[in-house]
Structures are given as C-alpha cells and as structure tokens.
Protein backbone atom coordinates (compact mmCIF):
# COMPACT_ATOMS: atom_id res chain seq x y z
CA MET A 1 1.49 0.51 -1.92
CA GLU A 2 -0.81 -1.91 -0.06
CA LEU A 3 0.03 0.44 3.14
CA LEU A 4 -1.77 3.31 1.31
CA LEU A 5 -4.72 1.28 0.93
CA LYS A 6 -4.91 0.10 4.12
CA TYR A 7 -5.75 4.09 5.17
CA PHE A 8 -7.30 5.35 1.94
CA ASP A 9 -9.48 3.55 -0.20
CA GLU A 10 -11.19 6.10 -2.99
CA PHE A 11 -8.11 6.63 -5.13
CA THR A 12 -9.05 7.15 -8.60
CA GLU A 13 -7.34 4.53 -11.17
CA VAL A 14 -5.08 7.52 -12.23
CA GLN A 15 -4.14 8.14 -8.66
CA SER A 16 -3.58 4.55 -7.81
CA CYS A 17 -1.08 4.41 -10.96
CA GLN A 18 0.67 7.52 -9.81
CA PHE A 19 1.20 6.41 -6.71
CA ALA A 20 2.46 3.03 -7.41
CA ALA A 21 4.79 4.53 -9.98
CA LEU A 22 6.95 6.55 -7.42
CA GLN A 23 8.71 3.80 -5.60
CA ASP A 24 10.50 2.87 -8.97
CA LEU A 25 10.95 6.76 -9.89
CA TYR A 26 12.79 7.64 -6.69
CA THR A 27 14.66 4.66 -6.54
CA ASP A 28 16.01 5.36 -10.11
CA TRP A 29 16.98 8.83 -9.20
CA ASN A 30 18.26 7.93 -5.69
CA SER A 31 20.90 6.01 -7.59
CA LYS A 32 22.01 9.27 -9.00
CA ILE A 33 21.09 11.74 -6.71
CA ASN A 34 20.78 11.65 -2.86
CA VAL A 35 17.26 12.79 -2.98
CA ILE A 36 16.03 10.67 0.02
CA SER A 37 17.88 8.48 2.77
CA ARG A 38 19.04 5.34 1.22
CA LYS A 39 18.36 3.35 3.94
CA ASP A 40 14.51 4.62 3.66
CA ILE A 41 13.82 3.48 0.17
CA TYR A 42 13.22 0.05 1.65
CA ASN A 43 10.29 1.89 3.67
CA PHE A 44 9.54 4.56 0.89
CA TYR A 45 5.78 4.33 1.13
CA GLU A 46 5.55 4.32 5.01
CA HIS A 47 8.27 7.08 5.65
CA HIS A 48 7.70 9.18 3.02
CA VAL A 49 4.42 8.89 1.11
CA LEU A 50 2.16 8.15 3.92
CA HIS A 51 3.71 10.35 6.18
CA SER A 52 3.08 13.27 3.59
CA LEU A 53 -0.57 11.89 3.55
CA ALA A 54 -1.06 12.44 7.33
CA ILE A 55 -1.96 16.29 5.96
CA ALA A 56 -4.66 14.95 3.85
CA ALA A 57 -6.09 12.56 6.80
CA ARG A 58 -6.91 15.50 8.47
CA TYR A 59 -7.23 18.65 6.32
CA GLU A 60 -9.05 19.14 3.09
CA PHE A 61 -7.47 21.23 0.39
CA LEU A 62 -10.28 22.44 -1.88
CA PRO A 63 -10.06 22.97 -5.96
CA GLY A 64 -8.62 26.23 -6.75
CA MET A 65 -6.51 26.35 -3.48
CA GLU A 66 -2.96 27.27 -3.69
CA ILE A 67 -0.38 25.50 -1.47
CA LEU A 68 3.12 26.15 -0.92
CA ASP A 69 5.38 23.40 0.19
CA LEU A 70 8.40 25.10 1.68
CA GLY A 71 11.57 23.61 1.65
CA CYS A 72 10.29 20.50 -0.52
CA GLY A 73 13.49 18.42 -0.71
CA GLY A 74 12.79 15.50 -2.82
CA GLY A 75 8.85 16.33 -3.28
CA PHE A 76 7.69 15.43 0.23
CA PRO A 77 4.68 16.27 1.33
CA GLY A 78 4.06 17.96 -2.09
CA ILE A 79 4.12 15.56 -4.65
CA PRO A 80 1.99 12.89 -2.61
CA LEU A 81 -0.60 15.75 -1.79
CA ALA A 82 -0.86 16.79 -5.39
CA ILE A 83 -1.75 13.27 -6.44
CA PHE A 84 -4.24 13.24 -3.62
CA PHE A 85 -5.74 16.72 -4.65
CA PRO A 86 -5.36 17.01 -8.38
CA LYS A 87 -7.43 19.98 -8.29
CA THR A 88 -5.49 21.82 -5.91
CA GLN A 89 -2.40 23.79 -7.19
CA PHE A 90 1.13 22.86 -5.17
CA TYR A 91 4.12 25.23 -5.59
CA LEU A 92 7.29 23.23 -4.37
CA VAL A 93 10.27 25.32 -3.72
CA ASP A 94 13.66 24.64 -2.36
CA CYS A 95 16.90 26.27 -2.41
CA ILE A 96 18.72 22.78 -3.64
CA GLN A 97 18.14 23.19 -7.52
CA LYS A 98 19.22 19.15 -8.14
CA LYS A 99 16.30 18.21 -6.08
CA LEU A 100 13.99 20.28 -7.84
CA ARG A 101 14.84 18.56 -11.08
CA VAL A 102 14.05 15.52 -9.55
CA VAL A 103 10.59 17.07 -8.49
CA ALA A 104 10.12 18.05 -11.55
CA GLU A 105 11.07 15.00 -13.56
CA ILE A 106 8.91 12.76 -11.38
CA ALA A 107 5.68 15.01 -11.85
CA ARG A 108 6.09 14.67 -15.49
CA ASN A 109 6.74 11.07 -15.38
CA ILE A 110 3.47 10.43 -13.60
CA GLY A 111 1.62 12.98 -15.41
CA LEU A 112 0.96 15.52 -12.54
CA LYS A 113 -0.30 18.95 -13.75
CA ASN A 114 -0.80 21.08 -10.62
CA ILE A 115 2.86 21.05 -9.67
CA ILE A 116 5.19 24.12 -10.08
CA THR A 117 8.79 24.02 -8.65
CA GLN A 118 10.86 27.16 -8.24
CA HIS A 119 14.41 27.39 -7.00
CA THR A 120 14.01 29.79 -4.10
CA ARG A 121 13.70 30.70 -0.50
CA ALA A 122 10.66 31.23 1.17
CA GLU A 123 11.91 34.50 2.32
CA ASP A 124 12.72 35.76 -0.98
CA ILE A 125 9.24 35.23 -2.22
CA LYS A 126 7.61 38.61 -3.17
CA ASN A 127 4.01 39.33 -4.76
CA ARG A 128 2.79 35.89 -4.05
CA LYS A 129 0.50 34.71 -1.79
CA PHE A 130 -0.79 31.25 -0.72
CA ASP A 131 -3.64 29.75 1.15
CA THR A 132 -1.59 27.19 2.91
CA VAL A 133 2.12 26.52 3.78
CA ILE A 134 3.35 23.12 4.35
CA SER A 135 6.51 21.80 5.33
CA ARG A 136 8.30 18.65 6.34
CA ALA A 137 11.38 18.75 9.08
CA VAL A 138 12.85 21.51 7.51
CA ALA A 139 13.54 24.25 10.14
CA PRO A 140 12.24 25.39 13.73
CA LEU A 141 8.55 26.19 14.18
CA GLU A 142 9.40 29.67 14.99
CA ASP A 143 11.53 30.28 11.67
CA LEU A 144 8.87 28.50 9.72
CA TRP A 145 5.98 30.83 10.96
CA LYS A 146 8.25 33.91 10.33
CA TRP A 147 8.64 32.85 6.53
CA SER A 148 5.23 31.66 6.01
CA ARG A 149 3.09 34.42 7.63
CA PRO A 150 4.08 36.94 5.03
CA ILE A 151 3.08 34.90 2.01
CA LEU A 152 -0.36 33.55 3.66
CA LYS A 153 -3.58 34.88 2.30
CA LYS A 154 -5.45 36.95 4.54
CA ASN A 155 -8.82 36.74 2.93
CA ILE A 156 -10.96 34.06 4.51
CA ARG A 157 -12.99 31.78 2.26
CA SER A 158 -16.66 31.81 2.26
CA ASP A 159 -16.39 27.80 2.97
CA ASP A 160 -14.72 28.74 6.37
CA ARG A 161 -14.54 25.11 7.67
CA GLU A 162 -12.03 23.76 10.27
CA GLU A 163 -10.59 21.25 8.20
CA ILE A 164 -9.79 23.79 5.38
CA PRO A 165 -6.55 25.03 6.65
CA ASN A 166 -5.58 28.85 5.99
CA GLY A 167 -1.96 28.80 7.81
CA LEU A 168 1.20 26.76 8.33
CA ILE A 169 0.99 23.06 8.67
CA CYS A 170 4.10 21.14 9.40
CA LEU A 171 5.16 17.52 9.77
CA LYS A 172 7.48 17.10 12.80
CA GLY A 173 8.88 14.53 15.33
CA GLY A 174 10.42 14.02 18.77
CA ASP A 175 9.88 16.19 21.95
CA LEU A 176 8.84 19.46 20.52
CA THR A 177 7.89 21.36 24.13
CA THR A 178 11.31 23.96 23.71
CA GLU A 179 10.59 24.21 20.20
CA ILE A 180 7.08 25.34 20.69
CA TYR A 181 7.82 27.11 23.50
CA LYS A 182 10.35 29.41 21.78
CA SER A 183 8.23 29.97 18.92
CA GLY A 184 5.39 31.50 21.05
CA LEU A 185 3.06 29.89 19.23
CA LYS A 186 0.14 27.91 20.09
CA PRO A 187 -0.41 25.53 17.21
CA TYR A 188 -2.83 22.55 17.13
CA ILE A 189 -1.29 19.24 17.54
CA TRP A 190 -2.04 15.80 16.57
CA GLU A 191 -0.20 12.58 17.35
CA ILE A 192 0.22 10.77 13.66
CA ILE A 193 0.14 7.38 15.26
CA LYS A 194 -3.66 8.15 15.84
CA LEU A 195 -4.13 8.63 12.26
CA PHE A 196 -2.04 5.88 10.96
CA ASN A 197 -1.55 3.13 13.56
CA GLU A 198 1.99 1.92 12.69
CA LYS A 199 5.02 1.98 15.09
CA TYR A 200 7.16 4.50 12.82
CA PHE A 201 4.86 7.34 13.74
CA SER A 202 5.38 7.04 17.39
CA GLN A 203 6.34 10.70 18.20
CA LYS A 204 5.52 12.30 15.15
CA TYR A 205 3.40 14.98 14.88
CA LEU A 206 1.02 17.15 12.64
CA LEU A 207 1.17 20.86 13.76
CA TYR A 208 -1.17 23.53 12.21
CA VAL A 209 -0.83 27.30 12.94
CA PRO A 210 -3.75 29.03 11.74
CA LEU A 211 -3.49 32.55 10.13
CA LYS A 212 -6.70 34.02 11.67
CA GLY A 213 -6.55 35.69 14.82
CA LYS A 214 -2.55 35.72 14.67
C-alpha cells in the first residue's frame, strides 16, 4: 500500500480503505482458487495494483464513461481502476467463470458499485459499445484490436482531450517489435518505468491505439 502512496497522494478515505483491503482479500481467494501467480502475492501492490494504475497515471476516465476490461482474469487492471475512477462504469469480462466470481466477491467486499462482470468473450459481445477497452497481457495486439474495434463507440466526446482515451489501452512487456509490426498498427507507447521508477517495470509498456482516424 505504501508503494501506491509513493506515486498517488490524492486518494479519498474510501479509496485508501479499498486499496488497503485488496491484498488480504486476494491472498484469501488465492488459497482457494489460483487467481494470480502465488509467487506474486508477496509483491501484490507492485506487480498487480500499481501496474494496473499505470493507465490512470497517463489517462483520465470521466464520470459516465463505459470501460471494458477484456479478459480481466482476477480483476486487473479493472478493479484498481474502478477504485481510482469511482464515477466511471467498468465492465469486466472473461471466459473463466470462477475468476469472475472472485472479481464480483472482491468488488462486493470493498463496496465497489461501478463494476459489472460478464462471462463471455469480447468477440461475442453484441449490441453494446464502450468508450475504451483495456487489457493486460491477454493476447497479441493484432487480436486485441480485432476484438476491440467493433465494440468501441465511434462518437467523439465534446471534451476531446488527448488524455481522455477513445480506443484500446493495453499493458504489455518484453520486446514488442514483431508483435506491433504484425498488427499493422501504430500505437502510442510509453515505458512504464518512466511513470513508476521501480525495477519491476523495466521493459513493461503502456500501449494506446486510438479509434479516431483508424
């Protein structure tokens, strides 16, 4: 928790309590279901919560925006971002029902009201559009964009600032040269270590593919 306060200092009392409760909740659930890597639980706030908040360090989600967490797994980046942006609606989808159960229970335990979970795949979502799609290490960029583009809202908000994203945001690591080339896309790329100066974030990146002009 102290690591979060190193980079963010404007949490409300409610947000602070919600973030502080996460590690014990995930530790408990991880003893029953393999939600996240067991070796990561000792670095929970760095490897999962702060990593997720790299999106919040670069982008702003406005009240009323609808964000889809594609392949949310145990709830990252969706749960930390839902805490950070309490007036934004987050839809967390995954094809593994038991992980969604954990997400729903953790959201209930910490009083998160802005999360909806759904057992589905992004390509099966019909008659629904989102302002932004977020994802963490789920699939190659080419596939993420193929699944995201049809479900992104095409109307541009009146407050069309660069830091308010309308497109796909994903968290990835390693050498992305081949992956980006194969995708045919030209994403904006930020090194997370320049946002959070921690060794763990070396070779970890934040990618943004805007819908506008695509």
